[in-house]
Amino acid sequence: MTFKKSLLAVAALGAVLAMPLSAQAHRGWLLPSFTNLSGDSAWVTFDAAVSNELFHPDHVAMRTDGVQVLAPDGAIDKIQNASTGKYRSTFDVQLSKPGTYKIFTAGGSVMASYTENGEVKRFRGSAEDFAKQVPAGAADLKVIKSANRNETFVTRDKPTTESLKPTGKGLELVPVTHPTDVIATEPATFKFVIDGKPAADLEVTFAPGGHRWRASPGEIKVKTGPDGAVKFTLPEAGMYWVNASVRSGANARGGPPGAPQQGAVQALPGNGENASYTAVIEAQRP
């Protein structure tokens, strides 16, 4: 492969990763059977899939080996009774402690193209492997860094926030309104951060389930302010798919291509970062 073709391949793949998920046909989701429960023996069953229609498995099952559970005290918990079929996976989580659980998948990768001893080479892997395998100061280096996160939340008894603390990596939700305390027809506020810093001018999509029975998708699109906060009101009770993404070549403050970028991007040579965030929340009845 020539150097030109190699760079085109990296750029094309980066463009796909940079696309907002709401613009793609297939959308991934973790759907809980309940978001608010009480009692010592509380269990929640989850569906996990990538589908064309929200919350109707019609494309491919989501793998469960990457699903993580963060308990209300911040401890790592586990999924149970996992099963994967053709179009969806299912698993259970026991809410053995009072408070809010975060159930999520999170991942990231680095893609690079560079020249070594006159030969074009490509890399795809973790940031740690990038630092080990790609020579420092490599010639003609082009890098695209991607991060994605897919979450949902369930609360036993009273909402808590320990499990909701951001990691400082990628695009994340920091609740102002608690995600299991959103009420239909009432104003709510979420805050988004990219690598721990406010994600300003970020478009956030709220899409209700039940597309097959709607004349229109019913999506709501709103933008974050300078502090990364977005205010929204969901019109009716039900489950909603929440999505936002940061495109390669523009920083979280909405700067032009080539502007200095935030956080982990500064630690890598090159000029690309793609970050996406997805969640499923429930708007409770008023």
C-alpha atoms as a PDB file:
ATOM      1  CA  MET A   1       0.000   0.000   0.000  1.00  0.00           C
ATOM      2  CA  THR A   2       1.340   3.439  -0.901  1.00  0.00           C
ATOM      3  CA  PHE A   3       1.755   6.155   1.698  1.00  0.00           C
ATOM      4  CA  LYS A   4      -1.041   8.183   0.088  1.00  0.00           C
ATOM      5  CA  LYS A   5      -3.464   5.250   0.151  1.00  0.00           C
ATOM      6  CA  SER A   6      -2.526   4.466   3.741  1.00  0.00           C
ATOM      7  CA  LEU A   7      -3.360   7.982   4.866  1.00  0.00           C
ATOM      8  CA  LEU A   8      -6.608   7.890   2.939  1.00  0.00           C
ATOM      9  CA  ALA A   9      -7.547   4.637   4.679  1.00  0.00           C
ATOM     10  CA  VAL A  10      -6.844   6.122   8.115  1.00  0.00           C
ATOM     11  CA  ALA A  11      -8.772   9.282   7.235  1.00  0.00           C
ATOM     12  CA  ALA A  12     -11.753   7.319   5.924  1.00  0.00           C
ATOM     13  CA  LEU A  13     -11.953   5.143   9.024  1.00  0.00           C
ATOM     14  CA  GLY A  14     -11.605   8.226  11.196  1.00  0.00           C
ATOM     15  CA  ALA A  15     -14.499   9.866   9.365  1.00  0.00           C
ATOM     16  CA  VAL A  16     -16.728   6.881  10.135  1.00  0.00           C
ATOM     17  CA  LEU A  17     -15.767   6.948  13.803  1.00  0.00           C
ATOM     18  CA  ALA A  18     -16.389  10.696  13.909  1.00  0.00           C
ATOM     19  CA  MET A  19     -19.972  10.452  12.662  1.00  0.00           C
ATOM     20  CA  PRO A  20     -22.592  11.300  15.303  1.00  0.00           C
ATOM     21  CA  LEU A  21     -24.269   8.053  16.247  1.00  0.00           C
ATOM     22  CA  SER A  22     -27.715   9.612  15.774  1.00  0.00           C
ATOM     23  CA  ALA A  23     -26.841   9.941  12.057  1.00  0.00           C
ATOM     24  CA  GLN A  24     -26.029   6.258  11.693  1.00  0.00           C
ATOM     25  CA  ALA A  25     -28.540   3.520  10.966  1.00  0.00           C
ATOM     26  CA  HIS A  26     -27.413   1.235  13.798  1.00  0.00           C
ATOM     27  CA  ARG A  27     -27.509   2.393  17.405  1.00  0.00           C
ATOM     28  CA  GLY A  28     -26.270   0.518  20.456  1.00  0.00           C
ATOM     29  CA  TRP A  29     -28.141   0.478  23.740  1.00  0.00           C
ATOM     30  CA  LEU A  30     -28.331  -1.054  27.207  1.00  0.00           C
ATOM     31  CA  LEU A  31     -31.985  -1.210  28.243  1.00  0.00           C
ATOM     32  CA  PRO A  32     -32.960  -1.917  31.888  1.00  0.00           C
ATOM     33  CA  SER A  33     -36.290  -3.489  32.765  1.00  0.00           C
ATOM     34  CA  PHE A  34     -36.604  -0.980  35.620  1.00  0.00           C
ATOM     35  CA  THR A  35     -34.671   2.138  36.596  1.00  0.00           C
ATOM     36  CA  ASN A  36     -36.055   2.606  40.123  1.00  0.00           C
ATOM     37  CA  LEU A  37     -36.658  -0.206  42.602  1.00  0.00           C
ATOM     38  CA  SER A  38     -36.755  -0.846  46.332  1.00  0.00           C
ATOM     39  CA  GLY A  39     -36.117  -3.767  48.644  1.00  0.00           C
ATOM     40  CA  ASP A  40     -33.234  -6.041  49.530  1.00  0.00           C
ATOM     41  CA  SER A  41     -33.958  -8.616  46.813  1.00  0.00           C
ATOM     42  CA  ALA A  42     -34.123  -6.188  43.893  1.00  0.00           C
ATOM     43  CA  TRP A  43     -32.947  -7.486  40.499  1.00  0.00           C
ATOM     44  CA  VAL A  44     -32.897  -5.811  37.087  1.00  0.00           C
ATOM     45  CA  THR A  45     -32.796  -7.553  33.710  1.00  0.00           C
ATOM     46  CA  PHE A  46     -31.082  -5.817  30.789  1.00  0.00           C
ATOM     47  CA  ASP A  47     -31.348  -6.126  27.035  1.00  0.00           C
ATOM     48  CA  ALA A  48     -28.234  -5.179  25.048  1.00  0.00           C
ATOM     49  CA  ALA A  49     -28.292  -4.761  21.284  1.00  0.00           C
ATOM     50  CA  VAL A  50     -27.361  -2.727  18.236  1.00  0.00           C
ATOM     51  CA  SER A  51     -30.466  -1.995  16.199  1.00  0.00           C
ATOM     52  CA  ASN A  52     -32.082   0.112  13.501  1.00  0.00           C
ATOM     53  CA  GLU A  53     -35.159   0.827  15.613  1.00  0.00           C
ATOM     54  CA  LEU A  54     -34.525   1.890  19.167  1.00  0.00           C
ATOM     55  CA  PHE A  55     -35.144  -0.805  21.762  1.00  0.00           C
ATOM     56  CA  HIS A  56     -36.310  -3.307  19.150  1.00  0.00           C
ATOM     57  CA  PRO A  57     -33.467  -5.783  18.491  1.00  0.00           C
ATOM     58  CA  ASP A  58     -33.301  -6.176  14.714  1.00  0.00           C
ATOM     59  CA  HIS A  59     -29.624  -6.071  13.754  1.00  0.00           C
ATOM     60  CA  VAL A  60     -27.054  -7.693  16.051  1.00  0.00           C
ATOM     61  CA  ALA A  61     -26.606  -8.569  19.715  1.00  0.00           C
ATOM     62  CA  MET A  62     -24.216  -6.535  21.853  1.00  0.00           C
ATOM     63  CA  ARG A  63     -21.478  -8.651  23.409  1.00  0.00           C
ATOM     64  CA  THR A  64     -21.664  -8.885  27.185  1.00  0.00           C
ATOM     65  CA  ASP A  65     -17.980  -9.498  27.914  1.00  0.00           C
ATOM     66  CA  GLY A  66     -17.346  -5.741  27.914  1.00  0.00           C
ATOM     67  CA  VAL A  67     -20.258  -4.812  30.192  1.00  0.00           C
ATOM     68  CA  GLN A  68     -19.210  -3.431  33.570  1.00  0.00           C
ATOM     69  CA  VAL A  69     -21.166  -2.613  36.729  1.00  0.00           C
ATOM     70  CA  LEU A  70     -20.272   0.127  39.184  1.00  0.00           C
ATOM     71  CA  ALA A  71     -22.045  -0.234  42.540  1.00  0.00           C
ATOM     72  CA  PRO A  72     -23.317   2.715  44.613  1.00  0.00           C
ATOM     73  CA  ASP A  73     -20.154   2.741  46.739  1.00  0.00           C
ATOM     74  CA  GLY A  74     -17.897   2.792  43.672  1.00  0.00           C
ATOM     75  CA  ALA A  75     -16.999  -0.895  43.924  1.00  0.00           C
ATOM     76  CA  ILE A  76     -16.934  -3.100  40.829  1.00  0.00           C
ATOM     77  CA  ASP A  77     -19.881  -5.476  40.646  1.00  0.00           C
ATOM     78  CA  LYS A  78     -20.753  -8.086  38.019  1.00  0.00           C
ATOM     79  CA  ILE A  79     -23.493  -9.089  35.636  1.00  0.00           C
ATOM     80  CA  GLN A  80     -25.174 -12.448  36.063  1.00  0.00           C
ATOM     81  CA  ASN A  81     -27.053 -14.966  33.874  1.00  0.00           C
ATOM     82  CA  ALA A  82     -25.661 -13.522  30.646  1.00  0.00           C
ATOM     83  CA  SER A  83     -26.957 -14.948  27.377  1.00  0.00           C
ATOM     84  CA  THR A  84     -26.406 -13.877  23.780  1.00  0.00           C
ATOM     85  CA  GLY A  85     -28.771 -14.631  20.931  1.00  0.00           C
ATOM     86  CA  LYS A  86     -28.929 -13.588  17.302  1.00  0.00           C
ATOM     87  CA  TYR A  87     -30.261 -10.072  17.824  1.00  0.00           C
ATOM     88  CA  ARG A  88     -29.809  -9.287  21.506  1.00  0.00           C
ATOM     89  CA  SER A  89     -28.029 -10.207  24.699  1.00  0.00           C
ATOM     90  CA  THR A  90     -29.634 -10.347  28.125  1.00  0.00           C
ATOM     91  CA  PHE A  91     -28.164 -10.285  31.619  1.00  0.00           C
ATOM     92  CA  ASP A  92     -29.160  -9.570  35.206  1.00  0.00           C
ATOM     93  CA  VAL A  93     -27.766  -7.321  37.924  1.00  0.00           C
ATOM     94  CA  GLN A  94     -28.617  -7.812  41.582  1.00  0.00           C
ATOM     95  CA  LEU A  95     -28.971  -4.544  43.464  1.00  0.00           C
ATOM     96  CA  SER A  96     -27.498  -5.822  46.719  1.00  0.00           C
ATOM     97  CA  LYS A  97     -26.737  -2.312  48.029  1.00  0.00           C
ATOM     98  CA  PRO A  98     -28.975   0.763  48.241  1.00  0.00           C
ATOM     99  CA  GLY A  99     -28.193   3.597  45.844  1.00  0.00           C
ATOM    100  CA  THR A 100     -27.452   4.095  42.144  1.00  0.00           C
ATOM    101  CA  TYR A 101     -25.689   1.588  39.909  1.00  0.00           C
ATOM    102  CA  LYS A 102     -24.026   2.464  36.610  1.00  0.00           C
ATOM    103  CA  ILE A 103     -24.027  -0.294  33.993  1.00  0.00           C
ATOM    104  CA  PHE A 104     -21.787   0.518  31.061  1.00  0.00           C
ATOM    105  CA  THR A 105     -19.324  -0.325  28.334  1.00  0.00           C
ATOM    106  CA  ALA A 106     -16.303   1.871  27.654  1.00  0.00           C
ATOM    107  CA  GLY A 107     -13.498   1.572  25.172  1.00  0.00           C
ATOM    108  CA  GLY A 108     -10.994   3.430  23.091  1.00  0.00           C
ATOM    109  CA  SER A 109      -8.328   2.980  20.485  1.00  0.00           C
ATOM    110  CA  VAL A 110      -5.596   4.752  18.571  1.00  0.00           C
ATOM    111  CA  MET A 111      -5.081   4.515  14.810  1.00  0.00           C
ATOM    112  CA  ALA A 112      -1.879   5.755  13.238  1.00  0.00           C
ATOM    113  CA  SER A 113       0.040   5.827  10.006  1.00  0.00           C
ATOM    114  CA  TYR A 114       3.762   6.616   9.872  1.00  0.00           C
ATOM    115  CA  THR A 115       6.929   6.004   7.881  1.00  0.00           C
ATOM    116  CA  GLU A 116       9.851   3.951   9.185  1.00  0.00           C
ATOM    117  CA  ASN A 117      12.964   3.226   7.098  1.00  0.00           C
ATOM    118  CA  GLY A 118      11.093   4.356   3.993  1.00  0.00           C
ATOM    119  CA  GLU A 119       8.216   1.926   4.615  1.00  0.00           C
ATOM    120  CA  VAL A 120       4.675   3.013   5.445  1.00  0.00           C
ATOM    121  CA  LYS A 121       3.365   1.333   8.581  1.00  0.00           C
ATOM    122  CA  ARG A 122       0.013   1.396  10.313  1.00  0.00           C
ATOM    123  CA  PHE A 123      -1.005   0.897  13.922  1.00  0.00           C
ATOM    124  CA  ARG A 124      -4.309   0.262  15.644  1.00  0.00           C
ATOM    125  CA  GLY A 125      -4.571  -0.515  19.331  1.00  0.00           C
ATOM    126  CA  SER A 126      -4.573   1.005  22.802  1.00  0.00           C
ATOM    127  CA  ALA A 127      -2.863   4.227  23.806  1.00  0.00           C
ATOM    128  CA  GLU A 128      -0.489   2.174  25.965  1.00  0.00           C
ATOM    129  CA  ASP A 129       0.525  -0.026  23.024  1.00  0.00           C
ATOM    130  CA  PHE A 130       0.877   3.053  20.824  1.00  0.00           C
ATOM    131  CA  ALA A 131       3.466   4.475  23.213  1.00  0.00           C
ATOM    132  CA  LYS A 132       5.343   1.169  23.213  1.00  0.00           C
ATOM    133  CA  GLN A 133       5.179   0.230  19.547  1.00  0.00           C
ATOM    134  CA  VAL A 134       5.281   3.465  17.566  1.00  0.00           C
ATOM    135  CA  PRO A 135       8.730   5.084  17.564  1.00  0.00           C
ATOM    136  CA  ALA A 136       8.977   8.486  19.212  1.00  0.00           C
ATOM    137  CA  GLY A 137       9.300  11.142  16.550  1.00  0.00           C
ATOM    138  CA  ALA A 138       8.156   8.812  13.777  1.00  0.00           C
ATOM    139  CA  ALA A 139       8.114  10.443  10.348  1.00  0.00           C
ATOM    140  CA  ASP A 140       4.845  11.410   8.628  1.00  0.00           C
ATOM    141  CA  LEU A 141       2.876  10.457  11.717  1.00  0.00           C
ATOM    142  CA  LYS A 142      -0.909  10.772  11.533  1.00  0.00           C
ATOM    143  CA  VAL A 143      -2.967   9.802  14.580  1.00  0.00           C
ATOM    144  CA  ILE A 144      -6.670   9.433  15.280  1.00  0.00           C
ATOM    145  CA  LYS A 145      -7.747   8.706  18.856  1.00  0.00           C
ATOM    146  CA  SER A 146     -11.251   7.392  19.578  1.00  0.00           C
ATOM    147  CA  ALA A 147     -13.192   6.831  22.793  1.00  0.00           C
ATOM    148  CA  ASN A 148     -16.746   5.604  23.293  1.00  0.00           C
ATOM    149  CA  ARG A 149     -19.005   5.070  26.271  1.00  0.00           C
ATOM    150  CA  ASN A 150     -22.456   3.470  26.525  1.00  0.00           C
ATOM    151  CA  GLU A 151     -24.291   3.632  29.854  1.00  0.00           C
ATOM    152  CA  THR A 152     -27.520   3.220  31.739  1.00  0.00           C
ATOM    153  CA  PHE A 153     -28.459   3.715  35.380  1.00  0.00           C
ATOM    154  CA  VAL A 154     -30.655   1.997  37.972  1.00  0.00           C
ATOM    155  CA  THR A 155     -31.403   3.033  41.541  1.00  0.00           C
ATOM    156  CA  ARG A 156     -32.443   0.986  44.531  1.00  0.00           C
ATOM    157  CA  ASP A 157     -34.227   3.008  47.220  1.00  0.00           C
ATOM    158  CA  LYS A 158     -32.608   6.496  47.069  1.00  0.00           C
ATOM    159  CA  PRO A 159     -30.435   8.000  44.288  1.00  0.00           C
ATOM    160  CA  THR A 160     -26.706   8.385  45.008  1.00  0.00           C
ATOM    161  CA  THR A 161     -23.851   9.879  42.977  1.00  0.00           C
ATOM    162  CA  GLU A 162     -20.652   7.970  43.887  1.00  0.00           C
ATOM    163  CA  SER A 163     -20.933   5.645  40.882  1.00  0.00           C
ATOM    164  CA  LEU A 164     -21.552   8.605  38.563  1.00  0.00           C
ATOM    165  CA  LYS A 165     -18.213  10.355  39.034  1.00  0.00           C
ATOM    166  CA  PRO A 166     -16.418  10.994  35.716  1.00  0.00           C
ATOM    167  CA  THR A 167     -13.160   9.238  34.929  1.00  0.00           C
ATOM    168  CA  GLY A 168     -11.660  12.167  33.020  1.00  0.00           C
ATOM    169  CA  LYS A 169     -11.360  10.074  29.844  1.00  0.00           C
ATOM    170  CA  GLY A 170     -13.423  10.731  26.752  1.00  0.00           C
ATOM    171  CA  LEU A 171     -16.911  12.198  26.633  1.00  0.00           C
ATOM    172  CA  GLU A 172     -18.897  11.701  29.854  1.00  0.00           C
ATOM    173  CA  LEU A 173     -22.124  12.751  31.538  1.00  0.00           C
ATOM    174  CA  VAL A 174     -21.960  14.510  34.904  1.00  0.00           C
ATOM    175  CA  PRO A 175     -25.498  14.636  36.316  1.00  0.00           C
ATOM    176  CA  VAL A 176     -27.022  17.827  37.602  1.00  0.00           C
ATOM    177  CA  THR A 177     -30.461  16.271  37.481  1.00  0.00           C
ATOM    178  CA  HIS A 178     -29.916  12.677  38.582  1.00  0.00           C
ATOM    179  CA  PRO A 179     -30.380  10.314  35.583  1.00  0.00           C
ATOM    180  CA  THR A 180     -32.928   8.165  37.457  1.00  0.00           C
ATOM    181  CA  ASP A 181     -34.780  11.272  38.633  1.00  0.00           C
ATOM    182  CA  VAL A 182     -35.813  12.722  35.257  1.00  0.00           C
ATOM    183  CA  ILE A 183     -39.539  13.525  35.181  1.00  0.00           C
ATOM    184  CA  ALA A 184     -41.516  13.910  31.959  1.00  0.00           C
ATOM    185  CA  THR A 185     -42.744  17.499  31.262  1.00  0.00           C
ATOM    186  CA  GLU A 186     -40.373  18.883  33.930  1.00  0.00           C
ATOM    187  CA  PRO A 187     -37.087  20.708  33.142  1.00  0.00           C
ATOM    188  CA  ALA A 188     -33.880  18.738  33.709  1.00  0.00           C
ATOM    189  CA  THR A 189     -30.166  19.466  33.325  1.00  0.00           C
ATOM    190  CA  PHE A 190     -27.215  17.269  32.376  1.00  0.00           C
ATOM    191  CA  LYS A 191     -23.590  18.352  32.119  1.00  0.00           C
ATOM    192  CA  PHE A 192     -21.065  16.891  29.663  1.00  0.00           C
ATOM    193  CA  VAL A 193     -17.292  16.874  29.941  1.00  0.00           C
ATOM    194  CA  ILE A 194     -14.581  15.842  27.489  1.00  0.00           C
ATOM    195  CA  ASP A 195     -11.437  14.529  29.156  1.00  0.00           C
ATOM    196  CA  GLY A 196     -12.699  16.122  32.373  1.00  0.00           C
ATOM    197  CA  LYS A 197     -13.302  19.594  30.909  1.00  0.00           C
ATOM    198  CA  PRO A 198     -16.644  21.211  29.992  1.00  0.00           C
ATOM    199  CA  ALA A 199     -17.873  20.127  26.551  1.00  0.00           C
ATOM    200  CA  ALA A 200     -19.303  23.400  25.275  1.00  0.00           C
ATOM    201  CA  ASP A 201     -21.476  23.795  22.163  1.00  0.00           C
ATOM    202  CA  LEU A 202     -22.058  20.043  22.073  1.00  0.00           C
ATOM    203  CA  GLU A 203     -25.203  18.805  20.336  1.00  0.00           C
ATOM    204  CA  VAL A 204     -27.078  16.251  22.436  1.00  0.00           C
ATOM    205  CA  THR A 205     -29.857  14.078  21.030  1.00  0.00           C
ATOM    206  CA  PHE A 206     -32.727  12.672  23.102  1.00  0.00           C
ATOM    207  CA  ALA A 207     -34.612  10.025  21.095  1.00  0.00           C
ATOM    208  CA  PRO A 208     -37.683   8.224  22.480  1.00  0.00           C
ATOM    209  CA  GLY A 209     -38.264   4.539  21.922  1.00  0.00           C
ATOM    210  CA  GLY A 210     -41.200   3.149  19.977  1.00  0.00           C
ATOM    211  CA  HIS A 211     -40.141   4.528  16.578  1.00  0.00           C
ATOM    212  CA  ARG A 212     -42.178   1.950  14.704  1.00  0.00           C
ATOM    213  CA  TRP A 213     -45.397   3.411  16.141  1.00  0.00           C
ATOM    214  CA  ARG A 214     -44.515   7.080  15.593  1.00  0.00           C
ATOM    215  CA  ALA A 215     -45.298   9.249  12.595  1.00  0.00           C
ATOM    216  CA  SER A 216     -41.971  11.032  13.223  1.00  0.00           C
ATOM    217  CA  PRO A 217     -38.887  10.011  15.229  1.00  0.00           C
ATOM    218  CA  GLY A 218     -39.615  12.604  17.911  1.00  0.00           C
ATOM    219  CA  GLU A 219     -35.945  13.380  18.517  1.00  0.00           C
ATOM    220  CA  ILE A 220     -35.012  16.415  20.584  1.00  0.00           C
ATOM    221  CA  LYS A 221     -31.686  18.119  19.856  1.00  0.00           C
ATOM    222  CA  VAL A 222     -30.195  20.663  22.234  1.00  0.00           C
ATOM    223  CA  LYS A 223     -26.738  22.188  22.711  1.00  0.00           C
ATOM    224  CA  THR A 224     -24.624  22.570  25.801  1.00  0.00           C
ATOM    225  CA  GLY A 225     -23.594  25.964  27.135  1.00  0.00           C
ATOM    226  CA  PRO A 226     -20.068  27.164  27.968  1.00  0.00           C
ATOM    227  CA  ASP A 227     -20.098  25.092  31.170  1.00  0.00           C
ATOM    228  CA  GLY A 228     -21.048  21.912  29.300  1.00  0.00           C
ATOM    229  CA  ALA A 229     -24.578  21.953  30.743  1.00  0.00           C
ATOM    230  CA  VAL A 230     -27.637  21.221  28.651  1.00  0.00           C
ATOM    231  CA  LYS A 231     -31.205  21.922  29.725  1.00  0.00           C
ATOM    232  CA  PHE A 232     -34.037  19.822  28.338  1.00  0.00           C
ATOM    233  CA  THR A 233     -37.637  18.790  28.921  1.00  0.00           C
ATOM    234  CA  LEU A 234     -38.818  15.368  27.793  1.00  0.00           C
ATOM    235  CA  PRO A 235     -42.431  15.585  26.626  1.00  0.00           C
ATOM    236  CA  GLU A 236     -43.699  12.182  27.730  1.00  0.00           C
ATOM    237  CA  ALA A 237     -42.824   9.300  30.012  1.00  0.00           C
ATOM    238  CA  GLY A 238     -40.792   6.406  28.644  1.00  0.00           C
ATOM    239  CA  MET A 239     -37.291   5.270  27.742  1.00  0.00           C
ATOM    240  CA  TYR A 240     -34.978   7.642  25.869  1.00  0.00           C
ATOM    241  CA  TRP A 241     -31.712   7.105  23.998  1.00  0.00           C
ATOM    242  CA  VAL A 242     -29.241   9.912  24.691  1.00  0.00           C
ATOM    243  CA  ASN A 243     -26.298  10.530  22.379  1.00  0.00           C
ATOM    244  CA  ALA A 244     -23.548  13.073  21.797  1.00  0.00           C
ATOM    245  CA  SER A 245     -20.263  12.985  19.915  1.00  0.00           C
ATOM    246  CA  VAL A 246     -17.139  15.058  19.408  1.00  0.00           C
ATOM    247  CA  ARG A 247     -15.757  14.988  15.893  1.00  0.00           C
ATOM    248  CA  SER A 248     -12.150  14.711  14.878  1.00  0.00           C
ATOM    249  CA  GLY A 249     -10.503  18.030  14.033  1.00  0.00           C
ATOM    250  CA  ALA A 250     -12.630  20.185  16.326  1.00  0.00           C
ATOM    251  CA  ASN A 251     -12.101  20.583  20.028  1.00  0.00           C
ATOM    252  CA  ALA A 252     -14.803  20.314  22.670  1.00  0.00           C
ATOM    253  CA  ARG A 253     -15.226  24.082  22.682  1.00  0.00           C
ATOM    254  CA  GLY A 254     -16.254  23.971  19.044  1.00  0.00           C
ATOM    255  CA  GLY A 255     -12.996  25.388  17.709  1.00  0.00           C
ATOM    256  CA  PRO A 256     -11.978  25.134  14.060  1.00  0.00           C
ATOM    257  CA  PRO A 257      -9.909  22.303  12.617  1.00  0.00           C
ATOM    258  CA  GLY A 258      -6.313  22.660  13.687  1.00  0.00           C
ATOM    259  CA  ALA A 259      -7.168  24.410  16.952  1.00  0.00           C
ATOM    260  CA  PRO A 260      -5.419  23.083  20.086  1.00  0.00           C
ATOM    261  CA  GLN A 261      -7.401  20.166  21.465  1.00  0.00           C
ATOM    262  CA  GLN A 262      -8.049  19.155  25.023  1.00  0.00           C
ATOM    263  CA  GLY A 263      -6.964  16.468  27.400  1.00  0.00           C
ATOM    264  CA  ALA A 264      -5.471  13.235  26.150  1.00  0.00           C
ATOM    265  CA  VAL A 265      -5.209  14.496  22.575  1.00  0.00           C
ATOM    266  CA  GLN A 266      -2.389  16.786  23.657  1.00  0.00           C
ATOM    267  CA  ALA A 267      -0.427  13.738  24.779  1.00  0.00           C
ATOM    268  CA  LEU A 268      -0.489  12.233  21.287  1.00  0.00           C
ATOM    269  CA  PRO A 269       1.010  13.601  18.088  1.00  0.00           C
ATOM    270  CA  GLY A 270      -1.357  14.195  15.209  1.00  0.00           C
ATOM    271  CA  ASN A 271      -4.652  16.000  15.013  1.00  0.00           C
ATOM    272  CA  GLY A 272      -7.618  13.710  15.513  1.00  0.00           C
ATOM    273  CA  GLU A 273      -9.974  12.715  18.315  1.00  0.00           C
ATOM    274  CA  ASN A 274     -13.381  11.064  18.097  1.00  0.00           C
ATOM    275  CA  ALA A 275     -15.420  10.628  21.247  1.00  0.00           C
ATOM    276  CA  SER A 276     -18.999   9.428  21.621  1.00  0.00           C
ATOM    277  CA  TYR A 277     -21.348   9.078  24.557  1.00  0.00           C
ATOM    278  CA  THR A 278     -24.585   7.092  24.668  1.00  0.00           C
ATOM    279  CA  ALA A 279     -26.999   6.437  27.512  1.00  0.00           C
ATOM    280  CA  VAL A 280     -30.493   5.089  28.072  1.00  0.00           C
ATOM    281  CA  ILE A 281     -32.587   6.941  30.664  1.00  0.00           C
ATOM    282  CA  GLU A 282     -36.202   6.791  31.697  1.00  0.00           C
ATOM    283  CA  ALA A 283     -38.485   9.786  31.972  1.00  0.00           C
ATOM    284  CA  GLN A 284     -40.774   9.006  34.887  1.00  0.00           C
ATOM    285  CA  ARG A 285     -44.453   9.881  34.933  1.00  0.00           C
ATOM    286  CA  PRO A 286     -45.146  13.256  36.610  1.00  0.00           C
END
